[in-house]
Amino acid sequence: MKVTNSLRALLVGATLAAVAGFVPGTPAFAQAKQAQPSAKLQKMLHDAQEDIKNKKWSEAIAKLREAEGTAGKTPADQHIINEFLGFVYVKTGNYAEAAKAWEAELDDGFTPQADIAQKTKELAVISYQLKNYDKAIDFGNRAIKGGFADDQTKTLVAQSYYLKGDYKNTQKFVEANIVDPQIKAGQTPSQESLMLIYSACQKLQDEECTTRVMEKLVTYHPTSDSWAQLLYSVRKETSSNETDLLQTYRLMSDTNVLKEPGDYTEMAELLLDGGSPGEAQHVLEKAIAQNVFTDQRTKERSQRLLDGAKKRAASDQAVLPKLAQEADAAPTGDKNIAIGRAYLGYGQYDKAVEQLQKGLSKGNLKNEADARLTLGIAELKAGRKDDAVKTFHSVKGDPALEKLANLWTLHARQATAA
């Protein structure tokens, strides 16, 4: 899945307009109740304030810098100077100087507690715009610890971690401070937040992390791309186990993300080896109808496989009723499971469910988890979604098949909702 455009949109979320939006009204001495100008600087600061009211930015800066250089100024004078300078520098687009002024006043003892929250968030945004990501992170985390961070502040910290190349903290921060709390509160995490984690996991080459976030993307923002990215990752994980790989291919086929010629032929071969020629025939016919096989060599190979699948399916169907009787008489359930798989491949879903249930009830199966997953698939295709979901939840013993069962559950619910 390509995430470049969405990620780029995320990383420009904090804009200069946002900075301007943070700016309070024209500064006044009364805003800092404890910071009253000294008699020595009162007129100079009053004149600077008048310049600010009249938007005479250069004149205001000159007066404020003169006041700053005046011997004998008090800490309260400096607080007021910094407040005014920060405001004027934002208005003139000089964010570096604005940040210096406001950072100096933040902890000088004169800033009212009620203003510290807003000022801290302002400094986080300005630092971000200046690409001073360490400062942006510091101020953003201070806002979070203080309990006054909003969603924009949290997103800004996440972006700052990412843009400075700290991908591990990007992943940890977004999960702990944005995504997990939203999920816990019953909210839907944004696609942008999940994609930021995804990109960080990819940068870290952390496949487990990548798969985990893709599962969340499929859960909360299902698209064909997110399903494809997730299932191709699962396919890689299950490639060494033919049973698990075949079940992965089944879900890929059902979610319409199976695209590669080699995947179709491998799935068909696994089905033929597993005694499901009808399903192999269906898979190959689907691929040919979608013009998956484009070069002559793959076309010829797929046609040979299809011809073989058709021949085996025809002979298989002729004896299937007799084989079903023999399976019913068998003391263990593996023969019933095999007959159930065969019926599944021929689209006879009710008969597939019946045989699979018989096999499971007898027990002593070679692979109970696989049998249960196959039963859930048959129930879903038979239109028995609630039964299928219960069956998927009962799949235990094979971590890969448990994961696939959870994804089948999700797919079943999304398909019903659609």
Protein backbone atom coordinates (compact mmCIF):
# COMPACT_ATOMS: atom_id res chain seq x y z
CA MET A 1 0.00 0.00 0.00
CA LYS A 2 1.31 3.43 -0.89
CA VAL A 3 1.10 5.84 2.00
CA THR A 4 3.22 8.69 0.68
CA ASN A 5 0.48 11.17 -0.20
CA SER A 6 -1.54 10.66 2.97
CA LEU A 7 1.56 10.83 5.10
CA ARG A 8 2.63 14.04 3.40
CA ALA A 9 -0.81 15.50 4.15
CA LEU A 10 -0.43 14.54 7.77
CA LEU A 11 2.97 16.15 8.12
CA VAL A 12 1.73 19.57 7.04
CA GLY A 13 -1.08 19.52 9.59
CA ALA A 14 0.40 22.26 11.77
CA THR A 15 0.36 25.37 9.60
CA LEU A 16 1.35 28.98 9.98
CA ALA A 17 -2.34 29.77 10.14
CA ALA A 18 -2.51 27.63 13.26
CA VAL A 19 0.27 29.69 14.78
CA ALA A 20 -1.58 32.89 14.01
CA GLY A 21 -4.70 31.39 15.50
CA PHE A 22 -2.95 30.99 18.82
CA VAL A 23 -2.14 34.69 19.13
CA PRO A 24 -4.10 36.46 21.91
CA GLY A 25 -5.51 39.94 21.62
CA THR A 26 -3.32 43.00 21.82
CA PRO A 27 -1.11 42.64 24.93
CA ALA A 28 -1.91 44.84 27.87
CA PHE A 29 -0.23 45.40 31.21
CA ALA A 30 -3.29 44.02 32.97
CA GLN A 31 -2.84 40.62 31.33
CA ALA A 32 0.02 39.84 33.71
CA LYS A 33 -1.49 40.88 36.99
CA GLN A 34 1.75 40.59 38.92
CA ALA A 35 3.93 42.09 36.19
CA GLN A 36 3.54 45.84 36.44
CA PRO A 37 6.06 48.08 34.64
CA SER A 38 8.52 50.04 36.68
CA ALA A 39 8.19 53.80 36.79
CA LYS A 40 11.38 54.05 34.75
CA LEU A 41 9.99 52.03 31.80
CA GLN A 42 6.29 52.71 32.09
CA LYS A 43 6.14 55.42 29.42
CA MET A 44 8.40 53.52 27.03
CA LEU A 45 6.32 50.37 27.33
CA HIS A 46 3.07 52.32 27.06
CA ASP A 47 4.29 53.92 23.84
CA ALA A 48 5.27 50.49 22.50
CA GLN A 49 1.79 49.25 23.34
CA GLU A 50 0.24 52.09 21.40
CA ASP A 51 2.40 51.21 18.39
CA ILE A 52 1.15 47.63 18.65
CA LYS A 53 -2.47 48.79 18.72
CA ASN A 54 -1.80 50.85 15.58
CA LYS A 55 0.09 47.94 13.93
CA LYS A 56 3.31 49.91 13.78
CA TRP A 57 5.38 46.81 14.20
CA SER A 58 8.85 48.22 13.46
CA GLU A 59 8.37 51.15 15.82
CA ALA A 60 7.10 48.83 18.56
CA ILE A 61 10.11 46.50 18.18
CA ALA A 62 12.52 49.43 18.34
CA LYS A 63 10.96 50.76 21.54
CA LEU A 64 10.86 47.31 23.13
CA ARG A 65 14.51 46.60 22.29
CA GLU A 66 15.45 50.00 23.72
CA ALA A 67 13.53 49.18 26.88
CA GLU A 68 15.26 45.83 27.09
CA GLY A 69 18.64 47.52 27.00
CA THR A 70 17.76 50.04 29.67
CA ALA A 71 19.78 49.69 32.86
CA GLY A 72 17.78 49.08 35.97
CA LYS A 73 14.83 47.32 34.33
CA THR A 74 12.99 44.93 36.62
CA PRO A 75 12.07 41.26 36.04
CA ALA A 76 8.47 42.44 35.64
CA ASP A 77 9.60 44.87 32.92
CA GLN A 78 11.36 42.02 31.11
CA HIS A 79 8.24 39.86 31.32
CA ILE A 80 6.14 42.58 29.67
CA ILE A 81 8.82 43.18 27.03
CA ASN A 82 8.88 39.48 26.17
CA GLU A 83 5.09 39.32 26.01
CA PHE A 84 4.93 42.26 23.62
CA LEU A 85 7.87 41.07 21.52
CA GLY A 86 6.39 37.61 21.11
CA PHE A 87 3.13 39.08 19.87
CA VAL A 88 4.78 41.50 17.42
CA TYR A 89 7.20 38.90 16.04
CA VAL A 90 4.36 36.50 15.31
CA LYS A 91 2.48 39.29 13.55
CA THR A 92 5.55 40.02 11.41
CA GLY A 93 6.27 36.35 10.73
CA ASN A 94 9.51 36.23 12.73
CA TYR A 95 8.70 33.04 14.60
CA ALA A 96 12.24 32.38 15.77
CA GLU A 97 12.33 35.62 17.76
CA ALA A 98 8.75 35.09 18.94
CA ALA A 99 9.74 31.70 20.33
CA LYS A 100 12.72 33.17 22.17
CA ALA A 101 10.60 35.87 23.76
CA TRP A 102 7.76 33.61 24.82
CA GLU A 103 10.03 30.86 26.08
CA ALA A 104 11.82 33.41 28.26
CA GLU A 105 8.57 34.57 29.85
CA LEU A 106 7.01 31.12 30.28
CA ASP A 107 8.75 30.24 33.53
CA ASP A 108 9.74 33.69 34.78
CA GLY A 109 7.20 33.63 37.61
CA PHE A 110 4.92 36.31 36.16
CA THR A 111 2.91 34.31 33.64
CA PRO A 112 -0.49 33.51 35.19
CA GLN A 113 -1.10 29.77 35.54
CA ALA A 114 -4.17 30.12 33.34
CA ASP A 115 -1.97 31.38 30.47
CA ILE A 116 0.78 28.79 30.76
CA ALA A 117 -1.25 26.11 28.98
CA GLN A 118 -1.92 28.22 25.92
CA LYS A 119 1.60 29.62 25.82
CA THR A 120 3.11 26.14 26.03
CA LYS A 121 1.02 24.96 23.07
CA GLU A 122 1.92 28.10 21.12
CA LEU A 123 5.61 27.39 21.66
CA ALA A 124 5.17 23.78 20.52
CA VAL A 125 3.60 24.90 17.25
CA ILE A 126 6.15 27.65 16.61
CA SER A 127 9.05 25.30 17.35
CA TYR A 128 7.58 22.79 14.93
CA GLN A 129 7.34 25.42 12.19
CA LEU A 130 10.96 26.34 12.83
CA LYS A 131 11.87 22.62 12.45
CA ASN A 132 13.21 22.68 15.98
CA TYR A 133 11.66 19.31 16.62
CA ASP A 134 13.34 18.72 19.97
CA LYS A 135 11.79 21.91 21.34
CA ALA A 136 8.42 21.04 19.79
CA ILE A 137 8.56 17.64 21.49
CA ASP A 138 9.58 19.18 24.81
CA PHE A 139 6.78 21.73 24.84
CA GLY A 140 4.24 19.24 23.51
CA ASN A 141 5.11 16.67 26.16
CA ARG A 142 4.95 19.39 28.80
CA ALA A 143 1.40 20.13 27.64
CA ILE A 144 0.52 16.43 27.78
CA LYS A 145 1.94 16.01 31.29
CA GLY A 146 0.07 19.14 32.36
CA GLY A 147 -3.19 17.69 31.10
CA PHE A 148 -3.93 20.52 28.70
CA ALA A 149 -2.75 19.08 25.38
CA ASP A 150 -5.31 19.00 22.59
CA ASP A 151 -5.35 16.67 19.58
CA GLN A 152 -3.29 19.11 17.50
CA THR A 153 -0.56 19.21 20.14
CA LYS A 154 -0.36 15.42 20.29
CA THR A 155 -0.24 15.15 16.52
CA LEU A 156 2.48 17.78 16.40
CA VAL A 157 4.65 15.81 18.86
CA ALA A 158 4.15 12.65 16.80
CA GLN A 159 5.12 14.45 13.61
CA SER A 160 8.16 15.96 15.30
CA TYR A 161 9.44 12.54 16.36
CA TYR A 162 8.95 11.28 12.81
CA LEU A 163 10.57 14.24 11.07
CA LYS A 164 13.66 14.11 13.30
CA GLY A 165 14.02 10.44 12.36
CA ASP A 166 13.12 9.00 15.77
CA TYR A 167 10.84 6.28 14.40
CA LYS A 168 10.77 4.16 17.55
CA ASN A 169 9.41 7.02 19.62
CA THR A 170 7.04 7.94 16.79
CA GLN A 171 5.50 4.49 16.99
CA LYS A 172 5.41 4.41 20.81
CA PHE A 173 4.06 7.94 21.16
CA VAL A 174 1.24 7.64 18.61
CA GLU A 175 0.10 4.30 19.98
CA ALA A 176 0.24 5.35 23.65
CA ASN A 177 -1.07 8.91 23.36
CA ILE A 178 -3.37 8.94 20.34
CA VAL A 179 -4.50 5.60 18.96
CA ASP A 180 -4.83 3.38 22.05
CA PRO A 181 -6.75 5.98 24.13
CA GLN A 182 -9.15 6.55 21.23
CA ILE A 183 -9.80 2.82 20.84
CA LYS A 184 -10.27 2.45 24.60
CA ALA A 185 -12.80 5.29 24.52
CA GLY A 186 -14.72 3.58 21.71
CA GLN A 187 -13.58 6.11 19.12
CA THR A 188 -12.16 5.49 15.67
CA PRO A 189 -8.46 6.34 15.36
CA SER A 190 -7.71 8.47 12.32
CA GLN A 191 -6.26 6.89 9.23
CA GLU A 192 -3.46 9.47 9.31
CA SER A 193 -2.38 8.44 12.81
CA LEU A 194 -2.34 4.77 11.88
CA MET A 195 -0.43 5.47 8.69
CA LEU A 196 2.17 7.44 10.64
CA ILE A 197 2.74 4.38 12.85
CA TYR A 198 2.83 2.20 9.74
CA SER A 199 5.50 4.35 8.12
CA ALA A 200 7.57 4.39 11.32
CA CYS A 201 7.34 0.59 11.57
CA GLN A 202 8.49 0.27 7.97
CA LYS A 203 11.43 2.59 8.63
CA LEU A 204 12.35 0.37 11.57
CA GLN A 205 11.92 -2.74 9.40
CA ASP A 206 9.74 -4.11 12.19
CA GLU A 207 7.46 -6.63 10.50
CA GLU A 208 5.51 -7.45 13.67
CA CYS A 209 4.78 -3.78 14.24
CA THR A 210 3.85 -3.28 10.58
CA THR A 211 1.40 -6.19 10.65
CA ARG A 212 -0.14 -5.01 13.93
CA VAL A 213 -0.89 -1.53 12.61
CA MET A 214 -2.16 -2.92 9.30
CA GLU A 215 -4.68 -4.98 11.28
CA LYS A 216 -5.89 -1.74 12.86
CA LEU A 217 -6.09 -0.05 9.45
CA VAL A 218 -8.15 -2.95 8.10
CA THR A 219 -10.35 -2.80 11.19
CA TYR A 220 -11.05 0.93 11.23
CA HIS A 221 -10.35 2.05 7.66
CA PRO A 222 -10.84 -0.99 5.41
CA THR A 223 -9.78 -0.52 1.81
CA SER A 224 -8.60 -2.93 -0.84
CA ASP A 225 -5.10 -1.50 -0.41
CA SER A 226 -5.04 -2.02 3.37
CA TRP A 227 -6.38 -5.56 3.03
CA ALA A 228 -3.78 -6.31 0.35
CA GLN A 229 -0.91 -4.93 2.41
CA LEU A 230 -1.97 -6.91 5.46
CA LEU A 231 -2.66 -10.19 3.72
CA TYR A 232 0.50 -10.16 1.65
CA SER A 233 2.33 -9.69 4.94
CA VAL A 234 0.44 -12.64 6.44
CA ARG A 235 1.20 -14.68 3.33
CA LYS A 236 4.90 -14.09 3.94
CA GLU A 237 4.50 -15.27 7.53
CA THR A 238 2.65 -18.44 6.50
CA SER A 239 4.75 -19.33 3.45
CA SER A 240 6.54 -22.19 5.20
CA ASN A 241 3.34 -24.02 6.16
CA GLU A 242 1.18 -25.22 3.26
CA THR A 243 -1.99 -25.51 5.34
CA ASP A 244 -1.68 -21.99 6.75
CA LEU A 245 -0.65 -20.62 3.35
CA LEU A 246 -3.71 -22.10 1.64
CA GLN A 247 -6.01 -20.56 4.23
CA THR A 248 -4.27 -17.23 3.70
CA TYR A 249 -4.89 -17.52 -0.03
CA ARG A 250 -8.57 -18.29 0.64
CA LEU A 251 -9.00 -15.01 2.51
CA MET A 252 -6.99 -13.12 -0.12
CA SER A 253 -9.27 -14.50 -2.79
CA ASP A 254 -12.44 -13.68 -0.85
CA THR A 255 -11.31 -10.08 -0.23
CA ASN A 256 -10.34 -9.69 -3.90
CA VAL A 257 -6.71 -8.84 -3.19
CA LEU A 258 -5.23 -11.90 -4.91
CA LYS A 259 -3.56 -10.35 -7.97
CA GLU A 260 -0.26 -12.01 -8.84
CA PRO A 261 -0.22 -14.85 -11.40
CA GLY A 262 2.09 -16.91 -9.22
CA ASP A 263 -0.30 -16.61 -6.27
CA TYR A 264 -3.20 -18.00 -8.28
CA THR A 265 -1.20 -20.94 -9.59
CA GLU A 266 0.30 -21.70 -6.19
CA MET A 267 -3.13 -21.62 -4.59
CA ALA A 268 -4.50 -23.94 -7.29
CA GLU A 269 -1.62 -26.37 -6.80
CA LEU A 270 -2.13 -26.39 -3.03
CA LEU A 271 -5.82 -27.10 -3.54
CA LEU A 272 -5.10 -29.93 -5.96
CA ASP A 273 -2.57 -31.44 -3.56
CA GLY A 274 -5.11 -31.13 -0.75
CA GLY A 275 -7.88 -32.90 -2.66
CA SER A 276 -9.99 -29.86 -3.62
CA PRO A 277 -10.01 -29.90 -7.46
CA GLY A 278 -13.32 -28.03 -7.63
CA GLU A 279 -11.96 -25.07 -5.70
CA ALA A 280 -8.77 -25.19 -7.79
CA GLN A 281 -10.88 -25.01 -10.94
CA HIS A 282 -12.82 -22.03 -9.58
CA VAL A 283 -9.63 -20.18 -8.63
CA LEU A 284 -8.04 -20.66 -12.05
CA GLU A 285 -11.21 -19.71 -13.92
CA LYS A 286 -11.43 -16.53 -11.86
CA ALA A 287 -7.81 -15.66 -12.71
CA ILE A 288 -8.33 -16.29 -16.43
CA ALA A 289 -11.53 -14.20 -16.44
CA GLN A 290 -9.59 -11.32 -14.88
CA ASN A 291 -6.80 -11.70 -17.46
CA VAL A 292 -4.24 -12.28 -14.71
CA PHE A 293 -2.02 -14.43 -16.92
CA THR A 294 -0.61 -12.08 -19.54
CA ASP A 295 2.39 -13.84 -21.11
CA GLN A 296 2.15 -16.97 -23.19
CA ARG A 297 4.11 -19.17 -20.81
CA THR A 298 1.91 -18.48 -17.79
CA LYS A 299 -1.22 -18.76 -19.91
CA GLU A 300 -0.21 -22.22 -21.09
CA ARG A 301 0.74 -23.33 -17.59
CA SER A 302 -2.51 -22.07 -16.09
CA GLN A 303 -4.51 -23.75 -18.85
CA ARG A 304 -2.80 -27.07 -18.16
CA LEU A 305 -3.56 -26.73 -14.48
CA LEU A 306 -7.16 -25.83 -15.26
CA ASP A 307 -7.59 -28.79 -17.59
CA GLY A 308 -6.20 -31.11 -14.94
CA ALA A 309 -8.43 -29.59 -12.26
CA LYS A 310 -11.54 -29.99 -14.43
CA LYS A 311 -10.72 -33.63 -15.15
CA ARG A 312 -10.14 -34.44 -11.50
CA ALA A 313 -13.24 -32.50 -10.44
CA ALA A 314 -15.44 -34.43 -12.84
CA SER A 315 -14.27 -37.81 -11.57
CA ASP A 316 -14.29 -36.59 -7.98
CA GLN A 317 -17.90 -35.42 -8.10
CA ALA A 318 -19.03 -38.75 -9.54
CA VAL A 319 -17.85 -40.68 -6.48
CA LEU A 320 -18.35 -38.00 -3.84
CA PRO A 321 -21.68 -39.35 -2.46
CA LYS A 322 -20.11 -42.77 -1.96
CA LEU A 323 -17.04 -41.26 -0.32
CA ALA A 324 -19.32 -39.27 1.98
CA GLN A 325 -21.00 -42.49 3.13
CA GLU A 326 -17.64 -44.06 3.82
CA ALA A 327 -16.58 -40.96 5.75
CA ASP A 328 -19.71 -41.12 7.89
CA ALA A 329 -18.87 -44.69 8.81
CA ALA A 330 -15.26 -43.92 9.73
CA PRO A 331 -14.43 -43.81 13.46
CA THR A 332 -12.46 -40.58 13.23
CA GLY A 333 -13.37 -37.32 11.55
CA ASP A 334 -10.58 -36.63 9.05
CA LYS A 335 -12.47 -38.24 6.13
CA ASN A 336 -15.52 -36.09 6.85
CA ILE A 337 -13.28 -33.01 6.90
CA ALA A 338 -11.87 -33.97 3.49
CA ILE A 339 -15.39 -34.44 2.08
CA GLY A 340 -16.41 -31.10 3.58
CA ARG A 341 -13.51 -29.37 1.84
CA ALA A 342 -14.53 -30.98 -1.44
CA TYR A 343 -18.13 -29.78 -1.12
CA LEU A 344 -16.83 -26.30 -0.25
CA GLY A 345 -14.90 -26.24 -3.51
CA TYR A 346 -18.00 -27.17 -5.50
CA GLY A 347 -20.05 -24.43 -3.89
CA GLN A 348 -22.28 -26.91 -2.03
CA TYR A 349 -21.95 -25.04 1.21
CA ASP A 350 -24.70 -26.69 3.27
CA LYS A 351 -23.26 -30.13 2.56
CA ALA A 352 -19.79 -28.79 3.36
CA VAL A 353 -21.01 -27.50 6.73
CA GLU A 354 -22.68 -30.81 7.51
CA GLN A 355 -19.57 -32.87 6.76
CA LEU A 356 -17.21 -30.52 8.56
CA GLN A 357 -19.41 -30.54 11.65
CA LYS A 358 -19.51 -34.33 11.60
CA GLY A 359 -15.75 -34.50 11.39
CA LEU A 360 -15.28 -32.10 14.27
CA SER A 361 -17.80 -33.93 16.42
CA LYS A 362 -15.87 -37.19 15.99
CA GLY A 363 -12.59 -35.57 17.01
CA ASN A 364 -9.10 -37.06 16.77
CA LEU A 365 -8.32 -34.78 13.83
CA LYS A 366 -4.90 -34.17 12.35
CA ASN A 367 -5.50 -30.41 12.33
CA GLU A 368 -8.55 -29.29 14.29
CA ALA A 369 -7.75 -25.56 13.96
CA ASP A 370 -7.71 -25.82 10.17
CA ALA A 371 -10.96 -27.83 10.19
CA ARG A 372 -12.70 -25.22 12.34
CA LEU A 373 -11.50 -22.38 10.17
CA THR A 374 -12.75 -24.20 7.07
CA LEU A 375 -16.11 -24.77 8.76
CA GLY A 376 -16.39 -21.06 9.52
CA ILE A 377 -15.68 -20.23 5.87
CA ALA A 378 -18.32 -22.72 4.71
CA GLU A 379 -20.89 -21.31 7.17
CA LEU A 380 -20.17 -17.79 6.00
CA LYS A 381 -20.59 -18.75 2.36
CA ALA A 382 -23.81 -20.56 3.25
CA GLY A 383 -25.18 -17.27 4.60
CA ARG A 384 -24.87 -18.24 8.26
CA LYS A 385 -22.76 -15.32 9.43
CA ASP A 386 -23.49 -15.57 13.15
CA ASP A 387 -22.58 -19.26 13.18
CA ALA A 388 -19.45 -18.49 11.16
CA VAL A 389 -18.30 -15.82 13.63
CA LYS A 390 -18.77 -18.22 16.55
CA THR A 391 -16.78 -20.86 14.70
CA PHE A 392 -14.00 -18.42 13.86
CA HIS A 393 -13.75 -17.55 17.55
CA SER A 394 -13.31 -21.24 18.38
CA VAL A 395 -10.17 -21.62 16.23
CA LYS A 396 -7.31 -22.36 18.62
CA GLY A 397 -3.91 -24.01 18.60
CA ASP A 398 -2.24 -22.45 15.56
CA PRO A 399 -1.31 -18.75 15.95
CA ALA A 400 -1.40 -18.16 12.18
CA LEU A 401 -4.84 -19.75 11.81
CA GLU A 402 -6.10 -17.88 14.89
CA LYS A 403 -5.02 -14.62 13.25
CA LEU A 404 -6.71 -15.62 9.99
CA ALA A 405 -9.88 -16.55 11.89
CA ASN A 406 -9.94 -13.09 13.47
CA LEU A 407 -9.50 -11.51 10.04
CA TRP A 408 -12.28 -13.68 8.60
CA THR A 409 -14.51 -12.43 11.42
CA LEU A 410 -13.66 -8.85 10.52
CA HIS A 411 -14.20 -9.52 6.81
CA ALA A 412 -17.58 -11.14 7.53
CA ARG A 413 -18.78 -8.13 9.52
CA GLN A 414 -17.54 -5.61 6.97
CA ALA A 415 -19.12 -7.52 4.10
CA THR A 416 -22.45 -7.55 5.94
CA ALA A 417 -22.21 -3.86 6.75
CA ALA A 418 -21.46 -3.03 3.12
